[in-house]
Amino acid sequence: MEKTIDVINRLLKEGLIINYAVGGGIGALFYIEPFATFHLDIFIIFPKSSGILISLSPIYNWLDQQGYKTKKEQVIIEGIPVQFIPVYNDLIRESVQNSVQKNYSGSKINVLLPEYLIAIMVQTFRSKDKERIIRMMNESEIDKKFLDKILSKYNLKSIFDSLIGH
């Protein structure tokens, strides 16, 4: 995955994205015990554009020029399926802006904080998210006051409380 991270960091250096952070299952793996996950979710903030629509074409074109091919909604980068997800709401934007830099086998990678990962999972609330929320609460160090602040800000506290039993 180190080579994949290096390519993603090159997107940042090339100015194709302003910021990014790893989320989803692989983001959670920085905080809890491993589980099966099949692709790398990269939440991205684009440079300012004049249009309303956001296009991933500049990223896909650049990656294609580097020899990386798409498969459905993912790009296979150094053998790792990567899904680029533009920030699509205020919670995701705030999550990326407050991400932390982690070291992965000598490569620097931006990763969402666990509190934001939980909030995003509460917002999407799929079956696998519910399971991961419980694991995150049990296996990682969570700043519960910070988590409560995020959940309250985005009107997610009652959903979270119904799952956790508060």
N, C-alpha and C. Protein backbone atom coordinates (compact mmCIF):
# COMPACT_ATOMS: atom_id res chain seq x y z
N MET A 1 0.81 -1.19 0.00
CA MET A 1 0.00 0.00 0.00
C MET A 1 0.86 1.26 0.00
N GLU A 2 2.16 1.14 0.36
CA GLU A 2 3.03 2.31 0.40
C GLU A 2 3.08 3.02 -0.95
N LYS A 3 3.21 2.25 -2.03
CA LYS A 3 3.28 2.85 -3.36
C LYS A 3 1.96 3.54 -3.72
N THR A 4 0.86 2.96 -3.29
CA THR A 4 -0.45 3.58 -3.53
C THR A 4 -0.53 4.92 -2.83
N ILE A 5 -0.08 4.97 -1.59
CA ILE A 5 -0.08 6.21 -0.82
C ILE A 5 0.80 7.25 -1.50
N ASP A 6 1.96 6.83 -1.99
CA ASP A 6 2.85 7.76 -2.66
C ASP A 6 2.18 8.38 -3.89
N VAL A 7 1.42 7.59 -4.65
CA VAL A 7 0.72 8.11 -5.82
C VAL A 7 -0.35 9.10 -5.39
N ILE A 8 -1.08 8.80 -4.33
CA ILE A 8 -2.12 9.71 -3.83
C ILE A 8 -1.48 11.03 -3.37
N ASN A 9 -0.34 10.94 -2.71
CA ASN A 9 0.36 12.15 -2.28
C ASN A 9 0.85 12.96 -3.49
N ARG A 10 1.17 12.29 -4.59
CA ARG A 10 1.56 13.01 -5.81
C ARG A 10 0.38 13.81 -6.37
N LEU A 11 -0.84 13.28 -6.25
CA LEU A 11 -2.03 14.04 -6.67
C LEU A 11 -2.10 15.37 -5.92
N LEU A 12 -1.76 15.32 -4.66
CA LEU A 12 -1.75 16.52 -3.83
C LEU A 12 -0.66 17.48 -4.31
N LYS A 13 0.54 16.98 -4.52
CA LYS A 13 1.66 17.81 -4.98
C LYS A 13 1.40 18.40 -6.35
N GLU A 14 0.71 17.67 -7.21
CA GLU A 14 0.40 18.14 -8.56
C GLU A 14 -0.73 19.18 -8.56
N GLY A 15 -1.39 19.36 -7.41
CA GLY A 15 -2.46 20.35 -7.31
C GLY A 15 -3.80 19.86 -7.83
N LEU A 16 -3.92 18.56 -8.09
CA LEU A 16 -5.20 18.02 -8.57
C LEU A 16 -6.23 17.95 -7.44
N ILE A 17 -5.73 17.88 -6.21
CA ILE A 17 -6.59 17.95 -5.03
C ILE A 17 -5.94 18.90 -4.03
N ILE A 18 -6.74 19.51 -3.18
CA ILE A 18 -6.24 20.44 -2.16
C ILE A 18 -5.91 19.69 -0.87
N ASN A 19 -6.71 18.71 -0.55
CA ASN A 19 -6.52 17.93 0.66
C ASN A 19 -7.22 16.59 0.48
N TYR A 20 -6.84 15.61 1.28
CA TYR A 20 -7.48 14.30 1.24
C TYR A 20 -7.34 13.65 2.61
N ALA A 21 -8.13 12.62 2.82
CA ALA A 21 -7.98 11.80 4.01
C ALA A 21 -8.56 10.42 3.73
N VAL A 22 -7.93 9.43 4.29
CA VAL A 22 -8.42 8.05 4.19
C VAL A 22 -9.56 7.88 5.17
N GLY A 23 -10.65 7.32 4.69
CA GLY A 23 -11.80 7.03 5.54
C GLY A 23 -12.21 5.59 5.33
N GLY A 24 -13.46 5.30 5.59
CA GLY A 24 -13.99 3.96 5.38
C GLY A 24 -13.27 2.91 6.21
N GLY A 25 -13.31 1.69 5.70
CA GLY A 25 -12.75 0.56 6.42
C GLY A 25 -11.26 0.68 6.68
N ILE A 26 -10.50 1.12 5.68
CA ILE A 26 -9.05 1.22 5.87
C ILE A 26 -8.73 2.35 6.85
N GLY A 27 -9.50 3.42 6.82
CA GLY A 27 -9.32 4.47 7.82
C GLY A 27 -9.51 3.93 9.23
N ALA A 28 -10.52 3.09 9.40
CA ALA A 28 -10.79 2.50 10.72
C ALA A 28 -9.67 1.57 11.17
N LEU A 29 -8.97 0.94 10.22
CA LEU A 29 -7.90 0.01 10.57
C LEU A 29 -6.71 0.68 11.27
N PHE A 30 -6.64 2.00 11.18
CA PHE A 30 -5.59 2.71 11.91
C PHE A 30 -5.89 2.78 13.40
N TYR A 31 -7.13 2.40 13.78
CA TYR A 31 -7.55 2.53 15.18
C TYR A 31 -8.05 1.24 15.81
N ILE A 32 -8.45 0.26 14.99
CA ILE A 32 -8.99 -0.99 15.55
C ILE A 32 -8.33 -2.19 14.87
N GLU A 33 -8.63 -3.36 15.40
CA GLU A 33 -8.09 -4.60 14.85
C GLU A 33 -8.57 -4.82 13.42
N PRO A 34 -7.74 -5.44 12.59
CA PRO A 34 -8.09 -5.64 11.18
C PRO A 34 -9.37 -6.43 10.96
N PHE A 35 -10.02 -6.12 9.84
CA PHE A 35 -11.19 -6.84 9.36
C PHE A 35 -11.14 -6.78 7.84
N ALA A 36 -11.97 -7.55 7.18
CA ALA A 36 -11.96 -7.59 5.72
C ALA A 36 -12.49 -6.28 5.14
N THR A 37 -11.70 -5.69 4.26
CA THR A 37 -12.13 -4.52 3.51
C THR A 37 -11.46 -4.60 2.15
N PHE A 38 -12.13 -4.10 1.13
CA PHE A 38 -11.69 -4.41 -0.22
C PHE A 38 -11.17 -3.23 -1.03
N HIS A 39 -11.29 -2.02 -0.52
CA HIS A 39 -10.76 -0.89 -1.26
C HIS A 39 -10.42 0.26 -0.31
N LEU A 40 -9.68 1.21 -0.86
CA LEU A 40 -9.23 2.36 -0.11
C LEU A 40 -10.13 3.54 -0.45
N ASP A 41 -10.86 4.09 0.54
CA ASP A 41 -11.71 5.26 0.34
C ASP A 41 -10.89 6.51 0.61
N ILE A 42 -10.80 7.39 -0.39
CA ILE A 42 -10.08 8.64 -0.25
C ILE A 42 -11.08 9.78 -0.41
N PHE A 43 -11.36 10.48 0.69
CA PHE A 43 -12.21 11.67 0.63
C PHE A 43 -11.33 12.83 0.18
N ILE A 44 -11.79 13.58 -0.83
CA ILE A 44 -10.94 14.62 -1.41
C ILE A 44 -11.63 15.97 -1.46
N ILE A 45 -10.80 16.99 -1.28
CA ILE A 45 -11.23 18.37 -1.47
C ILE A 45 -10.52 18.86 -2.72
N PHE A 46 -11.30 19.38 -3.66
CA PHE A 46 -10.77 19.87 -4.93
C PHE A 46 -10.36 21.33 -4.84
N PRO A 47 -9.51 21.76 -5.77
CA PRO A 47 -9.26 23.20 -5.90
C PRO A 47 -10.58 23.90 -6.23
N LYS A 48 -10.67 25.18 -5.91
CA LYS A 48 -11.88 25.94 -6.22
C LYS A 48 -12.16 25.89 -7.71
N SER A 49 -13.43 25.71 -8.06
CA SER A 49 -13.82 25.72 -9.47
C SER A 49 -14.98 26.69 -9.63
N SER A 50 -15.18 27.11 -10.86
CA SER A 50 -16.25 28.07 -11.12
C SER A 50 -17.60 27.38 -11.32
N GLY A 51 -17.59 26.10 -11.56
CA GLY A 51 -18.83 25.39 -11.84
C GLY A 51 -19.47 24.80 -10.61
N ILE A 52 -20.71 24.39 -10.78
CA ILE A 52 -21.44 23.74 -9.70
C ILE A 52 -21.07 22.26 -9.63
N LEU A 53 -20.90 21.63 -10.79
CA LEU A 53 -20.57 20.20 -10.84
C LEU A 53 -19.09 19.98 -10.61
N ILE A 54 -18.79 18.91 -9.91
CA ILE A 54 -17.40 18.53 -9.67
C ILE A 54 -17.11 17.32 -10.53
N SER A 55 -15.99 17.39 -11.25
CA SER A 55 -15.61 16.28 -12.11
C SER A 55 -14.34 15.63 -11.59
N LEU A 56 -14.37 14.30 -11.58
CA LEU A 56 -13.18 13.54 -11.21
C LEU A 56 -12.24 13.35 -12.40
N SER A 57 -12.63 13.84 -13.56
CA SER A 57 -11.86 13.63 -14.79
C SER A 57 -10.39 14.02 -14.67
N PRO A 58 -10.05 15.19 -14.09
CA PRO A 58 -8.62 15.51 -14.00
C PRO A 58 -7.81 14.46 -13.24
N ILE A 59 -8.39 13.91 -12.18
CA ILE A 59 -7.70 12.87 -11.41
C ILE A 59 -7.59 11.59 -12.23
N TYR A 60 -8.71 11.16 -12.81
CA TYR A 60 -8.71 9.92 -13.60
C TYR A 60 -7.80 10.04 -14.82
N ASN A 61 -7.79 11.21 -15.47
CA ASN A 61 -6.92 11.41 -16.63
C ASN A 61 -5.45 11.35 -16.23
N TRP A 62 -5.11 12.02 -15.13
CA TRP A 62 -3.73 12.01 -14.65
C TRP A 62 -3.29 10.58 -14.30
N LEU A 63 -4.15 9.87 -13.58
CA LEU A 63 -3.82 8.49 -13.20
C LEU A 63 -3.70 7.59 -14.44
N ASP A 64 -4.56 7.81 -15.42
CA ASP A 64 -4.48 7.04 -16.67
C ASP A 64 -3.15 7.30 -17.37
N GLN A 65 -2.71 8.55 -17.37
CA GLN A 65 -1.41 8.89 -17.98
C GLN A 65 -0.25 8.22 -17.24
N GLN A 66 -0.46 7.93 -15.97
CA GLN A 66 0.58 7.26 -15.17
C GLN A 66 0.50 5.73 -15.32
N GLY A 67 -0.50 5.26 -16.08
CA GLY A 67 -0.63 3.83 -16.33
C GLY A 67 -1.62 3.11 -15.44
N TYR A 68 -2.39 3.84 -14.63
CA TYR A 68 -3.36 3.20 -13.73
C TYR A 68 -4.72 3.17 -14.40
N LYS A 69 -5.38 2.04 -14.33
CA LYS A 69 -6.65 1.83 -15.02
C LYS A 69 -7.82 1.81 -14.04
N THR A 70 -8.98 2.17 -14.56
CA THR A 70 -10.20 2.16 -13.75
C THR A 70 -10.89 0.80 -13.86
N LYS A 71 -11.58 0.48 -12.80
CA LYS A 71 -12.43 -0.72 -12.76
C LYS A 71 -13.67 -0.31 -11.99
N LYS A 72 -14.76 -0.12 -12.74
CA LYS A 72 -16.01 0.43 -12.18
C LYS A 72 -15.71 1.81 -11.62
N GLU A 73 -16.05 2.06 -10.34
CA GLU A 73 -15.83 3.39 -9.77
C GLU A 73 -14.47 3.53 -9.09
N GLN A 74 -13.61 2.56 -9.27
CA GLN A 74 -12.32 2.56 -8.60
C GLN A 74 -11.18 2.65 -9.61
N VAL A 75 -10.04 3.12 -9.11
CA VAL A 75 -8.81 3.11 -9.89
C VAL A 75 -7.88 2.12 -9.19
N ILE A 76 -7.29 1.24 -9.96
CA ILE A 76 -6.35 0.27 -9.38
C ILE A 76 -4.98 0.93 -9.37
N ILE A 77 -4.50 1.28 -8.18
CA ILE A 77 -3.21 1.95 -8.03
C ILE A 77 -2.27 1.01 -7.29
N GLU A 78 -1.26 0.55 -8.00
CA GLU A 78 -0.29 -0.38 -7.44
C GLU A 78 -0.98 -1.59 -6.81
N GLY A 79 -2.01 -2.07 -7.48
CA GLY A 79 -2.72 -3.27 -7.06
C GLY A 79 -3.82 -3.04 -6.03
N ILE A 80 -3.99 -1.81 -5.57
CA ILE A 80 -5.00 -1.50 -4.56
C ILE A 80 -6.16 -0.76 -5.23
N PRO A 81 -7.40 -1.26 -5.09
CA PRO A 81 -8.55 -0.51 -5.60
C PRO A 81 -8.78 0.74 -4.74
N VAL A 82 -8.81 1.90 -5.39
CA VAL A 82 -8.97 3.17 -4.70
C VAL A 82 -10.24 3.85 -5.21
N GLN A 83 -11.07 4.30 -4.29
CA GLN A 83 -12.27 5.05 -4.65
C GLN A 83 -12.09 6.48 -4.15
N PHE A 84 -12.12 7.43 -5.08
CA PHE A 84 -12.02 8.85 -4.75
C PHE A 84 -13.43 9.39 -4.54
N ILE A 85 -13.65 9.97 -3.37
CA ILE A 85 -14.98 10.47 -3.01
C ILE A 85 -14.86 11.96 -2.71
N PRO A 86 -15.41 12.81 -3.58
CA PRO A 86 -15.39 14.25 -3.28
C PRO A 86 -16.19 14.52 -2.01
N VAL A 87 -15.73 15.50 -1.22
CA VAL A 87 -16.50 15.84 -0.02
C VAL A 87 -17.91 16.21 -0.47
N TYR A 88 -18.90 15.63 0.17
CA TYR A 88 -20.28 15.79 -0.30
C TYR A 88 -21.19 16.43 0.74
N ASN A 89 -20.64 16.73 1.92
CA ASN A 89 -21.43 17.46 2.91
C ASN A 89 -20.47 18.10 3.92
N ASP A 90 -21.02 18.89 4.82
CA ASP A 90 -20.20 19.62 5.78
C ASP A 90 -19.44 18.71 6.74
N LEU A 91 -20.05 17.60 7.14
CA LEU A 91 -19.37 16.66 8.03
C LEU A 91 -18.12 16.10 7.37
N ILE A 92 -18.24 15.69 6.12
CA ILE A 92 -17.09 15.11 5.42
C ILE A 92 -16.01 16.18 5.25
N ARG A 93 -16.41 17.39 4.87
CA ARG A 93 -15.43 18.48 4.69
C ARG A 93 -14.67 18.74 6.00
N GLU A 94 -15.41 18.87 7.08
CA GLU A 94 -14.78 19.11 8.38
C GLU A 94 -13.86 17.94 8.76
N SER A 95 -14.29 16.73 8.46
CA SER A 95 -13.49 15.54 8.76
C SER A 95 -12.15 15.57 8.04
N VAL A 96 -12.19 15.89 6.76
CA VAL A 96 -10.94 15.94 5.97
C VAL A 96 -10.05 17.08 6.46
N GLN A 97 -10.65 18.23 6.72
CA GLN A 97 -9.87 19.38 7.17
C GLN A 97 -9.20 19.15 8.52
N ASN A 98 -9.76 18.26 9.32
CA ASN A 98 -9.21 17.96 10.64
C ASN A 98 -8.53 16.60 10.71
N SER A 99 -8.19 16.05 9.56
CA SER A 99 -7.52 14.74 9.54
C SER A 99 -6.12 14.85 10.14
N VAL A 100 -5.57 13.72 10.49
CA VAL A 100 -4.22 13.67 11.06
C VAL A 100 -3.30 12.91 10.12
N GLN A 101 -2.04 13.29 10.16
CA GLN A 101 -1.07 12.60 9.32
C GLN A 101 -0.51 11.41 10.10
N LYS A 102 -0.56 10.26 9.45
CA LYS A 102 -0.03 9.03 10.04
C LYS A 102 1.14 8.55 9.18
N ASN A 103 1.95 7.72 9.78
CA ASN A 103 3.06 7.11 9.06
C ASN A 103 2.67 5.67 8.73
N TYR A 104 2.77 5.31 7.46
CA TYR A 104 2.49 3.94 7.05
C TYR A 104 3.69 3.43 6.28
N SER A 105 4.49 2.61 6.92
CA SER A 105 5.68 2.02 6.30
C SER A 105 6.56 3.07 5.63
N GLY A 106 6.76 4.19 6.32
CA GLY A 106 7.63 5.23 5.79
C GLY A 106 6.95 6.26 4.92
N SER A 107 5.68 6.05 4.59
CA SER A 107 4.93 7.03 3.79
C SER A 107 3.98 7.79 4.71
N LYS A 108 3.81 9.07 4.44
CA LYS A 108 2.86 9.89 5.19
C LYS A 108 1.50 9.79 4.52
N ILE A 109 0.46 9.64 5.35
CA ILE A 109 -0.90 9.52 4.83
C ILE A 109 -1.85 10.25 5.78
N ASN A 110 -2.79 10.98 5.21
CA ASN A 110 -3.80 11.67 6.01
C ASN A 110 -4.94 10.70 6.30
N VAL A 111 -5.33 10.65 7.56
CA VAL A 111 -6.37 9.72 7.99
C VAL A 111 -7.39 10.48 8.84
N LEU A 112 -8.66 10.15 8.66
CA LEU A 112 -9.70 10.77 9.47
C LEU A 112 -9.52 10.37 10.93
N LEU A 113 -9.81 11.30 11.83
CA LEU A 113 -9.80 10.99 13.25
C LEU A 113 -10.90 9.97 13.56
N PRO A 114 -10.72 9.14 14.59
CA PRO A 114 -11.72 8.12 14.88
C PRO A 114 -13.10 8.69 15.20
N GLU A 115 -13.14 9.85 15.84
CA GLU A 115 -14.42 10.47 16.16
C GLU A 115 -15.19 10.83 14.88
N TYR A 116 -14.47 11.33 13.88
CA TYR A 116 -15.12 11.65 12.61
C TYR A 116 -15.52 10.38 11.86
N LEU A 117 -14.68 9.35 11.91
CA LEU A 117 -15.05 8.08 11.28
C LEU A 117 -16.37 7.57 11.86
N ILE A 118 -16.50 7.65 13.17
CA ILE A 118 -17.73 7.20 13.82
C ILE A 118 -18.91 8.06 13.37
N ALA A 119 -18.74 9.36 13.36
CA ALA A 119 -19.83 10.25 12.95
C ALA A 119 -20.28 9.96 11.52
N ILE A 120 -19.34 9.72 10.63
CA ILE A 120 -19.68 9.40 9.24
C ILE A 120 -20.42 8.06 9.18
N MET A 121 -19.98 7.09 9.98
CA MET A 121 -20.67 5.80 10.01
C MET A 121 -22.09 5.95 10.55
N VAL A 122 -22.27 6.83 11.53
CA VAL A 122 -23.61 7.08 12.05
C VAL A 122 -24.45 7.72 10.95
N GLN A 123 -23.86 8.62 10.19
CA GLN A 123 -24.60 9.30 9.13
C GLN A 123 -25.01 8.32 8.02
N THR A 124 -24.13 7.42 7.63
CA THR A 124 -24.47 6.46 6.57
C THR A 124 -25.30 5.30 7.12
N PHE A 125 -24.93 4.82 8.30
CA PHE A 125 -25.68 3.85 9.11
C PHE A 125 -26.08 2.58 8.37
N ARG A 126 -25.17 2.05 7.57
CA ARG A 126 -25.39 0.74 6.97
C ARG A 126 -25.10 -0.34 8.02
N SER A 127 -25.47 -1.58 7.73
CA SER A 127 -25.23 -2.68 8.69
C SER A 127 -23.77 -2.76 9.09
N LYS A 128 -22.86 -2.70 8.11
CA LYS A 128 -21.44 -2.80 8.43
C LYS A 128 -20.97 -1.59 9.24
N ASP A 129 -21.61 -0.43 9.03
CA ASP A 129 -21.25 0.74 9.82
C ASP A 129 -21.62 0.54 11.29
N LYS A 130 -22.78 -0.02 11.54
CA LYS A 130 -23.23 -0.25 12.92
C LYS A 130 -22.24 -1.15 13.65
N GLU A 131 -21.79 -2.20 12.98
CA GLU A 131 -20.81 -3.11 13.59
C GLU A 131 -19.49 -2.40 13.86
N ARG A 132 -19.04 -1.59 12.90
CA ARG A 132 -17.76 -0.89 13.06
C ARG A 132 -17.83 0.18 14.13
N ILE A 133 -18.98 0.83 14.29
CA ILE A 133 -19.13 1.83 15.35
C ILE A 133 -18.89 1.18 16.70
N ILE A 134 -19.52 0.04 16.92
CA ILE A 134 -19.36 -0.67 18.19
C ILE A 134 -17.90 -1.07 18.39
N ARG A 135 -17.26 -1.57 17.34
CA ARG A 135 -15.84 -1.95 17.44
C ARG A 135 -14.98 -0.73 17.73
N MET A 136 -15.25 0.37 17.05
CA MET A 136 -14.47 1.59 17.28
C MET A 136 -14.62 2.05 18.74
N MET A 137 -15.83 1.99 19.25
CA MET A 137 -16.07 2.42 20.63
C MET A 137 -15.36 1.51 21.63
N ASN A 138 -15.28 0.23 21.31
CA ASN A 138 -14.67 -0.74 22.22
C ASN A 138 -13.16 -0.86 22.07
N GLU A 139 -12.63 -0.65 20.86
CA GLU A 139 -11.23 -0.96 20.60
C GLU A 139 -10.31 0.24 20.44
N SER A 140 -10.85 1.43 20.28
CA SER A 140 -9.97 2.58 20.05
C SER A 140 -10.16 3.62 21.14
N GLU A 141 -9.20 4.51 21.23
CA GLU A 141 -9.28 5.59 22.21
C GLU A 141 -10.10 6.71 21.59
N ILE A 142 -11.28 6.90 22.11
CA ILE A 142 -12.21 7.90 21.60
C ILE A 142 -12.33 9.03 22.61
N ASP A 143 -12.22 10.26 22.12
CA ASP A 143 -12.50 11.43 22.95
C ASP A 143 -14.02 11.60 22.92
N LYS A 144 -14.68 11.10 23.96
CA LYS A 144 -16.15 11.06 23.97
C LYS A 144 -16.78 12.44 23.97
N LYS A 145 -16.15 13.42 24.60
CA LYS A 145 -16.68 14.78 24.58
C LYS A 145 -16.60 15.35 23.16
N PHE A 146 -15.49 15.11 22.48
CA PHE A 146 -15.32 15.58 21.11
C PHE A 146 -16.32 14.88 20.19
N LEU A 147 -16.49 13.57 20.37
CA LEU A 147 -17.45 12.81 19.57
C LEU A 147 -18.86 13.36 19.79
N ASP A 148 -19.23 13.59 21.05
CA ASP A 148 -20.56 14.15 21.35
C ASP A 148 -20.76 15.50 20.67
N LYS A 149 -19.71 16.31 20.67
CA LYS A 149 -19.78 17.64 20.03
C LYS A 149 -20.06 17.49 18.52
N ILE A 150 -19.36 16.58 17.88
CA ILE A 150 -19.55 16.35 16.44
C ILE A 150 -20.95 15.81 16.18
N LEU A 151 -21.34 14.79 16.93
CA LEU A 151 -22.66 14.18 16.73
C LEU A 151 -23.78 15.20 16.95
N SER A 152 -23.65 16.04 17.95
CA SER A 152 -24.66 17.06 18.21
C SER A 152 -24.70 18.09 17.09
N LYS A 153 -23.54 18.53 16.65
CA LYS A 153 -23.45 19.54 15.58
C LYS A 153 -24.16 19.08 14.32
N TYR A 154 -24.06 17.79 14.00
CA TYR A 154 -24.64 17.26 12.76
C TYR A 154 -25.93 16.48 13.00
N ASN A 155 -26.55 16.68 14.16
CA ASN A 155 -27.84 16.06 14.49
C ASN A 155 -27.82 14.54 14.37
N LEU A 156 -26.77 13.93 14.88
CA LEU A 156 -26.59 12.48 14.80
C LEU A 156 -26.62 11.81 16.17
N LYS A 157 -26.70 12.59 17.21
CA LYS A 157 -26.58 12.05 18.57
C LYS A 157 -27.66 11.02 18.90
N SER A 158 -28.90 11.27 18.52
CA SER A 158 -29.97 10.33 18.87
C SER A 158 -29.79 8.99 18.14
N ILE A 159 -29.31 9.04 16.92
CA ILE A 159 -29.05 7.79 16.18
C ILE A 159 -27.94 7.00 16.87
N PHE A 160 -26.87 7.71 17.22
CA PHE A 160 -25.75 7.06 17.91
C PHE A 160 -26.20 6.47 19.24
N ASP A 161 -26.94 7.27 20.02
CA ASP A 161 -27.41 6.81 21.33
C ASP A 161 -28.30 5.59 21.21
N SER A 162 -29.12 5.52 20.17
CA SER A 162 -30.00 4.36 19.99
C SER A 162 -29.20 3.09 19.71
N LEU A 163 -28.04 3.25 19.07
CA LEU A 163 -27.19 2.08 18.78
C LEU A 163 -26.40 1.66 20.02
N ILE A 164 -25.84 2.62 20.70
CA ILE A 164 -24.95 2.34 21.84
C ILE A 164 -25.73 2.09 23.11
N GLY A 165 -26.96 2.58 23.19
CA GLY A 165 -27.79 2.32 24.37
C GLY A 165 -27.67 3.36 25.44
N HIS A 166 -27.48 4.59 25.07
CA HIS A 166 -27.44 5.68 26.06
C HIS A 166 -28.81 6.20 26.35
